[in-house]
Every structure is written in structure tokens, then in C-alpha cells.
Amino acid sequence: MSEKRANFLFLLIVCLDALLLCLMIDEISISYKEALSYFSQNTFAGNIAYLSTLVFGRNDFALRLPFLLAHLFNLFLLYGICKHYLKRPIDWLLCVGIFAFLPGINVISIFVSKSVFVLSLTLLLCFLHIKRLRVFFYPLCVVASFLDPAFSIIFLALFFYSLRHKHNKTLVFSLCGFGINMYFFSLHIDGIPQGHFLDTIGLLSLLYSPVLFVYFFYTLYHSLLRKEHSLILYIGATSIGFTLLLSLRQEIDLYTFLPLSAVGLPVMIKVFMHDLRIRLKPFRASYLRRFYFIIIPLLLESSLLFCNKIFFLFDKNHFLDSFYYSKEIARELKAREIYSIKTSSKLALPLQFYGISPISPLLLSPKSGGSIKIKYLNRNVREYEITSS
């Protein structure tokens, strides 16, 4: 496959991923936590979302546009990394394709969260490092040390990387960067230990799909034993190891720390394609079966994520429950020319985003057989009644 054709197919992957994410944005509503971040503007993600809606209007697409664009930027960064780390165009496309459809990556790419921006800066650092652009890499590392505690992963990985290569100056730099980061963003490793190890494993399974995560973990461990020397390997392995270790005693921001492990995906592709290509064609069947065994569950889980409304056919309690109902409720209220109503705090704030004020003599409360019915796939999933408070 030529590089020109690979570039064309890469753009198709980006467009397909963007289309699926836009369809998902159209389906979901703003959640209570997102609305809290949006209106309080006390977080980086909340400020970004608020500025976007000032420019493009208060709607779901404007709310999530910065996070979607950051995700698409990540695809281009990863593709650039793959071009320098992997040998063949088919390898580049396979790596980017898997990354684009990882369930956890797609989740953070449209939710109001800093995670996608942390991943963007991490991929940018990896791209600068693999291109040997040190004049940009080290100053950006210094900036990162002041931005977020998740970048402690970068300095730990850089520490192990420089220790392996005996780069004494980089070793000292990584220790200073880690110290600065911990000074400004202490992880508070104190108090009574509280195990969150199983939660971390569960989130990793969600991020990668269970089978892919097992194989990914194996390839990182295998590459470390084979003395692989890339920084992306150390970042991927450090992200998993550091979070698993901390989760044994305390709760941390897994949604920010764990996605950094996806930086190591090119390592997995390199190991798999190397193992496949060193075999003669008659002996490749078992490796291809292994590939299908890994990819099919990933595609199935991604399909269920993009088509998650189908779960309402089986159960009214949805795993993305907090991201539904408010947009449809606001639409029903506006159809009745009601623009202000009291309700529970967890519903009032999302409704406020869609133009429904919480100051009103009217009260909206859940009630079986209520006049406001929310239907998904022709099934009543929520019913509300309007009364005088």
C-alpha cells in the first residue's frame, strides 16, 4: 500500500469517526455534572465549553465541539507518531483505526472533561520526542508540569526512559518536573487506605474492551522484557502501572490518568505485525484468528456504545442515564410554552442549559402516567407531571 493511499484511507477513518460521534452528540443531553461545570465555570473543561457556546450558541454541538476537535487532532498526532514508529502504511491505519474506535476514547472525546486535552498534550509531547524536536519537547514538558497532576505520568515515564538510556541530564530534568508537579498537585497519599483496584480494572476494560486490554497489557510487558526503548512504551506502561498501584489504597481521577495508556497502542501493533510477518504464510492462521478474537469484541462494544439507546428496549435504567431525558423534557415544556419550572436539582441545571428557568410556581416531578412522556424507540422511559408548587 502506498503512502498516498494510506493518507486517503486515514482521512476516511477520521470522517467516519467524526460522523458517528456527531450522531451520538445529537442523541444525548447535557448531564448534571457537565451542567454544573458549565455554569460554575470553575474547571478548564467548563470554561472551554462555555466559550464555545458563546460563539456558536447554546446547543449540544457547540457544547461538545472543542472536545470533538481535540479528539480529531489526537488522531492526526497518533498518525504522525505511527509514521515514524511503524514501518508500513497498513500498520499506521490499523493503529489509528483501533484508537479511533476505542470505547473509552470515544467517551472522553465528546464529554465535557479535561481528559481529551490531557491526552492531546501527551500525544504532542510523544510526537515531538519521536521527531527529536527537543527545542520544543523540553519547554512543553515544563509547561505541562504546571497544568495537571496527570502529567506526573509523563515525568515518571521520562525518568524510567532516561534511566534505561543513562541520560543523566534528562534523569534530573524528569525528577525536577515530577517534584514540581507533585508540589502543585499533590495526590494526597494519606489517610485510611481505600481499595479501588477492581474499579480501575473495570475502567480499563471499558476503555479498551476486555480482550484487547489483556493483549495490550501483554505486549507492553513483552516489549519491556525485550528492552524496547521508545518513550511511548514507557508512558503506556507507567500509566497503567501507576494507576493500578495507587488504586490499591485510594481513589484517583481514572478518567484522566488511564487514557494516557492509549499512547502505547503503536507498541502493540508493532509486536503483533512483527509476530505475524516472521511466520511463513501457512503458519499465520493462528495469529490472524488471534487478531479477529481481539478486534471483534472491540467492534461489538463500540457498536453498542454508538447505538446505546437500544438498551432502553430491555431496561429503563440506562448505563448513560445521566446523559438522557433533559433535552426531550425541555422540548416538551417549550411546546407547551413553559419556560420556567421547578424540579429536582439534578434535572433543573440541565434544563437550564436548554432555556428552562428553575424559578417558577410550577413543579415538574416524575409520575407514572404523567402528561409528559419521554419515548425512546417507541417505548416510554420516563413520565413526568406538571403541578402547582
Protein backbone atom coordinates (compact mmCIF):
# COMPACT_ATOMS: atom_id res chain seq x y z
CA MET A 1 0.00 0.00 0.00
CA SER A 2 1.33 3.44 -0.97
CA GLU A 3 1.59 6.29 1.49
CA LYS A 4 -0.78 8.37 -0.64
CA ARG A 5 -3.48 5.72 -0.45
CA ALA A 6 -2.89 5.29 3.29
CA ASN A 7 -3.37 9.03 3.80
CA PHE A 8 -6.69 8.87 1.92
CA LEU A 9 -7.91 5.92 4.00
CA PHE A 10 -6.81 7.72 7.16
CA LEU A 11 -9.00 10.70 6.25
CA LEU A 12 -11.90 8.29 5.70
CA ILE A 13 -11.37 6.89 9.22
CA VAL A 14 -11.35 10.42 10.65
CA CYS A 15 -14.54 11.37 8.78
CA LEU A 16 -16.33 8.17 9.80
CA ASP A 17 -15.37 8.61 13.44
CA ALA A 18 -16.44 12.27 13.39
CA LEU A 19 -19.78 11.33 11.80
CA LEU A 20 -20.51 8.65 14.41
CA LEU A 21 -19.60 10.99 17.25
CA CYS A 22 -21.80 13.75 15.83
CA LEU A 23 -24.71 11.30 15.68
CA MET A 24 -24.07 10.40 19.32
CA ILE A 25 -23.93 14.09 20.29
CA ASP A 26 -27.33 14.54 18.69
CA GLU A 27 -28.73 11.67 20.78
CA ILE A 28 -27.52 12.60 24.25
CA SER A 29 -28.23 15.57 26.54
CA ILE A 30 -26.02 17.52 28.90
CA SER A 31 -25.55 15.70 32.21
CA TYR A 32 -25.86 17.23 35.68
CA LYS A 33 -22.08 17.15 36.27
CA GLU A 34 -21.44 18.74 32.88
CA ALA A 35 -24.05 21.42 33.55
CA LEU A 36 -22.50 22.10 36.95
CA SER A 37 -19.09 22.52 35.33
CA TYR A 38 -20.59 24.65 32.55
CA PHE A 39 -22.47 27.11 34.77
CA SER A 40 -19.92 27.34 37.59
CA GLN A 41 -17.01 27.65 35.12
CA ASN A 42 -14.62 26.54 37.84
CA THR A 43 -12.87 23.99 35.62
CA PHE A 44 -10.87 24.19 32.41
CA ALA A 45 -13.38 21.99 30.57
CA GLY A 46 -16.32 24.08 31.80
CA ASN A 47 -14.67 27.29 30.61
CA ILE A 48 -13.89 25.83 27.19
CA ALA A 49 -17.47 24.60 26.78
CA TYR A 50 -18.88 27.97 27.89
CA LEU A 51 -16.71 29.92 25.42
CA SER A 52 -17.74 27.59 22.62
CA THR A 53 -21.44 28.18 23.31
CA LEU A 54 -20.85 31.95 23.39
CA VAL A 55 -19.54 31.73 19.84
CA PHE A 56 -21.83 29.07 18.35
CA GLY A 57 -24.93 29.35 20.53
CA ARG A 58 -26.17 27.27 23.45
CA ASN A 59 -26.72 23.84 21.93
CA ASP A 60 -25.29 20.33 22.23
CA PHE A 61 -22.95 20.58 19.27
CA ALA A 62 -21.43 23.87 20.43
CA LEU A 63 -21.07 22.42 23.95
CA ARG A 64 -19.08 19.41 22.77
CA LEU A 65 -17.33 20.83 19.69
CA PRO A 66 -13.98 21.69 21.40
CA PHE A 67 -13.69 18.16 22.78
CA LEU A 68 -14.55 16.59 19.43
CA LEU A 69 -11.95 18.75 17.65
CA ALA A 70 -9.33 17.80 20.25
CA HIS A 71 -10.12 14.12 19.61
CA LEU A 72 -9.70 14.55 15.84
CA PHE A 73 -6.43 16.38 16.50
CA ASN A 74 -5.34 13.35 18.53
CA LEU A 75 -5.96 11.10 15.52
CA PHE A 76 -3.62 13.23 13.41
CA LEU A 77 -0.97 13.24 16.13
CA LEU A 78 -1.14 9.46 16.52
CA TYR A 79 -0.94 9.02 12.75
CA GLY A 80 2.21 11.17 12.73
CA ILE A 81 3.71 9.07 15.53
CA CYS A 82 2.87 5.85 13.68
CA LYS A 83 4.60 7.10 10.53
CA HIS A 84 7.87 7.32 12.44
CA TYR A 85 7.44 4.30 14.71
CA LEU A 86 5.80 1.69 12.45
CA LYS A 87 7.21 0.50 9.15
CA ARG A 88 4.26 0.05 6.79
CA PRO A 89 1.18 2.14 5.93
CA ILE A 90 -1.17 -0.73 6.80
CA ASP A 91 0.29 -0.67 10.32
CA TRP A 92 -0.39 3.06 10.63
CA LEU A 93 -4.01 2.61 9.59
CA LEU A 94 -4.57 -0.36 11.89
CA CYS A 95 -3.26 1.55 14.90
CA VAL A 96 -5.27 4.72 14.19
CA GLY A 97 -8.38 2.67 13.39
CA ILE A 98 -8.23 0.84 16.72
CA PHE A 99 -7.59 4.09 18.60
CA ALA A 100 -10.49 5.86 16.82
CA PHE A 101 -12.96 3.21 17.91
CA LEU A 102 -11.77 2.51 21.43
CA PRO A 103 -14.94 2.91 23.57
CA GLY A 104 -13.25 4.87 26.34
CA ILE A 105 -11.51 7.22 23.90
CA ASN A 106 -14.81 7.98 22.20
CA VAL A 107 -16.45 8.66 25.56
CA ILE A 108 -13.89 11.29 26.62
CA SER A 109 -13.93 12.82 23.12
CA ILE A 110 -17.44 14.30 23.47
CA PHE A 111 -17.99 14.64 27.21
CA VAL A 112 -17.19 17.91 28.97
CA SER A 113 -13.95 16.75 30.52
CA LYS A 114 -10.30 17.77 30.54
CA SER A 115 -9.21 14.19 29.72
CA VAL A 116 -9.15 14.60 25.94
CA PHE A 117 -6.94 17.72 26.22
CA VAL A 118 -4.54 15.95 28.59
CA LEU A 119 -4.27 13.14 26.04
CA SER A 120 -3.72 15.71 23.25
CA LEU A 121 -0.77 17.30 25.03
CA THR A 122 0.67 13.87 25.85
CA LEU A 123 0.48 12.77 22.21
CA LEU A 124 2.02 16.08 21.14
CA LEU A 125 4.94 15.51 23.53
CA CYS A 126 5.40 11.99 22.13
CA PHE A 127 5.32 13.35 18.57
CA LEU A 128 7.95 15.99 19.39
CA HIS A 129 10.11 13.38 21.11
CA ILE A 130 9.96 10.85 18.29
CA LYS A 131 10.76 13.63 15.79
CA ARG A 132 13.70 14.64 18.04
CA LEU A 133 12.42 18.22 18.30
CA ARG A 134 13.99 18.74 21.71
CA VAL A 135 13.87 22.53 21.44
CA PHE A 136 10.07 22.21 21.75
CA PHE A 137 9.81 19.00 23.77
CA TYR A 138 11.52 20.11 26.99
CA PRO A 139 9.89 23.57 27.28
CA LEU A 140 6.48 21.97 26.71
CA CYS A 141 7.24 19.43 29.45
CA VAL A 142 7.97 22.34 31.81
CA VAL A 143 4.63 23.92 30.92
CA ALA A 144 2.85 20.58 31.41
CA SER A 145 4.23 20.23 34.93
CA PHE A 146 2.12 23.23 35.98
CA LEU A 147 -1.09 22.18 34.20
CA ASP A 148 -2.46 18.95 35.65
CA PRO A 149 -1.48 16.09 38.01
CA ALA A 150 -1.91 13.60 35.16
CA PHE A 151 1.35 14.84 33.66
CA SER A 152 3.18 13.24 36.57
CA ILE A 153 2.86 10.12 34.37
CA ILE A 154 4.97 11.82 31.69
CA PHE A 155 7.78 12.64 34.12
CA LEU A 156 7.75 9.17 35.67
CA ALA A 157 7.92 7.61 32.20
CA LEU A 158 10.69 10.02 31.21
CA PHE A 159 12.54 9.07 34.39
CA PHE A 160 12.47 5.33 33.57
CA TYR A 161 13.28 6.07 29.93
CA SER A 162 16.33 8.19 30.79
CA LEU A 163 17.41 5.68 33.45
CA ARG A 164 17.37 2.92 30.83
CA HIS A 165 19.36 5.04 28.36
CA LYS A 166 21.62 6.57 31.02
CA HIS A 167 20.69 10.13 30.04
CA ASN A 168 21.72 11.83 33.25
CA LYS A 169 20.53 15.34 32.34
CA THR A 170 17.09 14.04 31.31
CA LEU A 171 17.00 12.00 34.52
CA VAL A 172 17.49 15.11 36.64
CA PHE A 173 15.00 17.04 34.47
CA SER A 174 12.31 14.36 34.93
CA LEU A 175 12.79 14.28 38.71
CA CYS A 176 12.53 18.08 38.92
CA GLY A 177 9.42 18.06 36.71
CA PHE A 178 7.79 15.34 38.82
CA GLY A 179 8.64 17.23 42.01
CA ILE A 180 7.14 20.47 40.67
CA ASN A 181 4.00 18.66 39.54
CA MET A 182 3.56 16.96 42.90
CA TYR A 183 4.14 20.26 44.71
CA PHE A 184 1.32 21.99 42.84
CA PHE A 185 -0.99 18.96 42.50
CA SER A 186 -0.49 16.69 45.48
CA LEU A 187 -2.23 13.33 45.14
CA HIS A 188 -2.79 13.29 48.93
CA ILE A 189 -1.45 9.81 49.56
CA ASP A 190 -2.56 9.71 53.16
CA GLY A 191 -5.49 8.72 55.35
CA ILE A 192 -7.14 5.33 55.54
CA PRO A 193 -6.39 3.10 52.52
CA GLN A 194 -9.44 2.51 50.31
CA GLY A 195 -9.06 -0.07 47.57
CA HIS A 196 -10.30 0.91 44.11
CA PHE A 197 -8.31 -1.72 42.23
CA LEU A 198 -11.35 -3.51 40.78
CA ASP A 199 -12.83 -0.18 39.66
CA THR A 200 -9.60 0.57 37.82
CA ILE A 201 -9.56 -2.82 36.10
CA GLY A 202 -13.20 -2.33 35.12
CA LEU A 203 -12.49 1.08 33.64
CA LEU A 204 -9.54 -0.29 31.69
CA SER A 205 -11.82 -2.99 30.30
CA LEU A 206 -14.27 -0.28 29.27
CA LEU A 207 -11.52 1.82 27.72
CA TYR A 208 -10.10 -0.98 25.56
CA SER A 209 -12.66 -3.82 25.66
CA PRO A 210 -11.63 -6.73 27.92
CA VAL A 211 -9.82 -8.94 25.37
CA LEU A 212 -7.91 -6.06 23.79
CA PHE A 213 -6.77 -4.81 27.20
CA VAL A 214 -5.33 -8.22 28.13
CA TYR A 215 -3.40 -8.38 24.85
CA PHE A 216 -2.33 -4.74 25.15
CA PHE A 217 -1.03 -5.32 28.68
CA TYR A 218 0.83 -8.41 27.47
CA THR A 219 2.52 -6.55 24.59
CA LEU A 220 3.68 -3.74 26.88
CA TYR A 221 5.16 -6.24 29.33
CA HIS A 222 6.66 -8.26 26.48
CA SER A 223 8.25 -5.14 24.93
CA LEU A 224 9.76 -4.08 28.25
CA LEU A 225 11.36 -7.51 28.61
CA ARG A 226 12.72 -7.23 25.07
CA LYS A 227 14.27 -3.89 26.04
CA GLU A 228 12.15 -1.72 23.76
CA HIS A 229 13.45 1.83 24.05
CA SER A 230 10.60 4.11 22.95
CA LEU A 231 9.08 6.77 25.21
CA ILE A 232 5.55 5.81 24.13
CA LEU A 233 6.10 2.35 25.62
CA TYR A 234 7.19 3.82 28.95
CA ILE A 235 4.24 6.22 29.05
CA GLY A 236 1.74 3.45 28.28
CA ALA A 237 3.23 1.08 30.86
CA THR A 238 3.68 3.80 33.51
CA SER A 239 0.09 5.00 33.09
CA ILE A 240 -1.29 1.52 33.78
CA GLY A 241 1.22 0.60 36.48
CA PHE A 242 0.99 3.92 38.35
CA THR A 243 -2.82 3.98 38.43
CA LEU A 244 -3.11 0.32 39.40
CA LEU A 245 -0.62 0.85 42.21
CA LEU A 246 -2.37 3.94 43.56
CA SER A 247 -5.80 2.34 43.21
CA LEU A 248 -4.80 -0.25 45.80
CA ARG A 249 -5.11 2.40 48.51
CA GLN A 250 -7.07 5.40 47.21
CA GLU A 251 -9.36 6.86 44.58
CA ILE A 252 -7.80 8.94 41.79
CA ASP A 253 -9.06 10.61 38.62
CA LEU A 254 -9.06 7.47 36.48
CA TYR A 255 -10.79 9.18 33.55
CA THR A 256 -7.73 11.43 33.17
CA PHE A 257 -4.88 9.08 34.10
CA LEU A 258 -5.91 5.89 32.30
CA PRO A 259 -6.48 7.24 28.75
CA LEU A 260 -2.78 8.17 28.67
CA SER A 261 -2.03 4.46 28.38
CA ALA A 262 -3.50 4.56 24.84
CA VAL A 263 -0.27 6.30 23.79
CA GLY A 264 1.27 2.82 23.83
CA LEU A 265 -1.02 1.40 21.12
CA PRO A 266 1.67 1.62 18.38
CA VAL A 267 3.79 -0.72 20.51
CA MET A 268 1.00 -3.32 20.46
CA ILE A 269 0.62 -3.02 16.68
CA LYS A 270 4.39 -3.32 16.19
CA VAL A 271 4.56 -6.52 18.25
CA PHE A 272 1.55 -8.09 16.56
CA MET A 273 2.64 -7.29 12.99
CA HIS A 274 6.20 -8.43 13.72
CA ASP A 275 4.96 -11.76 15.09
CA LEU A 276 2.71 -12.16 12.06
CA ARG A 277 5.30 -11.31 9.41
CA ILE A 278 8.12 -13.51 10.68
CA ARG A 279 5.89 -16.56 10.09
CA LEU A 280 5.51 -18.20 6.74
CA LYS A 281 2.06 -17.75 5.21
CA PRO A 282 0.86 -21.31 6.02
CA PHE A 283 1.57 -20.66 9.73
CA ARG A 284 -0.10 -17.24 10.03
CA ALA A 285 -3.64 -18.54 10.52
CA SER A 286 -3.38 -18.76 14.32
CA TYR A 287 -2.19 -15.15 14.54
CA LEU A 288 -5.00 -13.97 12.30
CA ARG A 289 -7.50 -15.82 14.50
CA ARG A 290 -5.99 -14.06 17.49
CA PHE A 291 -6.48 -10.74 15.69
CA TYR A 292 -10.15 -11.46 14.97
CA PHE A 293 -10.65 -12.62 18.57
CA ILE A 294 -9.33 -9.23 19.74
CA ILE A 295 -10.97 -6.95 17.17
CA ILE A 296 -14.49 -8.42 17.03
CA PRO A 297 -15.30 -7.73 20.73
CA LEU A 298 -13.86 -4.22 20.29
CA LEU A 299 -16.11 -3.53 17.30
CA LEU A 300 -19.09 -5.02 19.14
CA GLU A 301 -18.51 -2.85 22.21
CA SER A 302 -18.01 0.25 20.05
CA SER A 303 -21.23 -0.51 18.15
CA LEU A 304 -23.13 -0.87 21.42
CA LEU A 305 -21.72 2.47 22.58
CA PHE A 306 -22.76 4.33 19.43
CA CYS A 307 -26.15 2.59 19.40
CA ASN A 308 -26.59 2.64 23.18
CA LYS A 309 -30.25 3.69 23.03
CA ILE A 310 -31.09 0.11 22.14
CA PHE A 311 -30.62 -0.77 25.83
CA PHE A 312 -33.82 1.13 26.61
CA LEU A 313 -35.69 -1.72 24.92
CA PHE A 314 -34.57 -4.04 27.71
CA ASP A 315 -34.31 -1.80 30.77
CA LYS A 316 -35.41 1.74 31.60
CA ASN A 317 -32.28 2.17 33.76
CA HIS A 318 -29.50 3.01 31.32
CA PHE A 319 -25.74 2.98 31.94
CA LEU A 320 -25.65 6.53 30.47
CA ASP A 321 -28.79 7.52 32.33
CA SER A 322 -27.49 10.95 33.35
CA PHE A 323 -26.97 11.91 29.70
CA TYR A 324 -30.60 11.48 28.65
CA TYR A 325 -34.08 12.97 29.09
CA SER A 326 -33.35 16.66 29.80
CA LYS A 327 -33.27 17.75 26.14
CA GLU A 328 -36.55 15.99 25.39
CA ILE A 329 -38.19 17.34 28.57
CA ALA A 330 -37.16 20.89 27.63
CA ARG A 331 -38.61 20.39 24.15
CA GLU A 332 -41.92 19.18 25.58
CA LEU A 333 -42.10 22.10 28.01
CA LYS A 334 -41.39 24.65 25.27
CA ALA A 335 -44.09 23.07 23.12
CA ARG A 336 -46.49 23.94 25.97
CA GLU A 337 -44.99 27.44 26.16
CA ILE A 338 -43.50 26.73 29.59
CA TYR A 339 -40.09 28.34 30.00
CA SER A 340 -39.65 28.09 33.77
CA ILE A 341 -40.40 25.25 36.16
CA LYS A 342 -39.18 23.84 39.48
CA THR A 343 -37.82 20.33 39.68
CA SER A 344 -35.02 18.34 41.33
CA SER A 345 -31.59 19.98 41.32
CA LYS A 346 -30.08 17.23 39.15
CA LEU A 347 -32.67 17.91 36.46
CA ALA A 348 -33.07 21.67 36.92
CA LEU A 349 -29.49 22.51 35.95
CA PRO A 350 -29.51 20.54 32.66
CA LEU A 351 -32.92 22.06 31.84
CA GLN A 352 -31.46 25.50 32.46
CA PHE A 353 -28.91 24.83 29.72
CA TYR A 354 -31.81 24.25 27.30
CA GLY A 355 -33.50 27.50 28.30
CA ILE A 356 -35.82 26.40 31.13
CA SER A 357 -35.53 28.61 34.23
CA PRO A 358 -35.82 26.95 37.68
CA ILE A 359 -37.79 29.89 39.16
CA SER A 360 -41.50 29.15 38.74
CA PRO A 361 -44.72 28.37 40.66
CA LEU A 362 -44.98 25.19 38.57
CA LEU A 363 -43.42 21.91 39.68
CA LEU A 364 -42.17 19.08 37.45
CA SER A 365 -41.98 15.71 39.15
CA PRO A 366 -41.73 12.10 37.96
CA LYS A 367 -45.09 10.33 37.96
CA SER A 368 -46.34 7.17 36.34
CA GLY A 369 -48.96 8.08 33.74
CA GLY A 370 -47.85 11.75 33.72
CA SER A 371 -48.71 14.07 30.88
CA ILE A 372 -45.09 14.49 29.76
CA LYS A 373 -43.81 11.24 28.34
CA ILE A 374 -40.26 10.67 27.11
CA LYS A 375 -40.10 7.99 24.46
CA TYR A 376 -37.04 6.28 23.06
CA LEU A 377 -37.52 3.68 20.32
CA ASN A 378 -41.32 3.95 20.81
CA ARG A 379 -41.04 2.97 24.47
CA ASN A 380 -41.91 5.18 27.43
CA VAL A 381 -38.76 5.50 29.51
CA ARG A 382 -39.73 8.45 31.73
CA GLU A 383 -43.03 10.12 32.67
CA TYR A 384 -43.49 13.46 34.43
CA GLU A 385 -46.38 15.55 35.67
CA ILE A 386 -46.70 19.34 35.97
CA THR A 387 -48.35 20.59 39.15
CA SER A 388 -48.57 23.81 41.11
CA SER A 389 -45.94 24.04 43.84
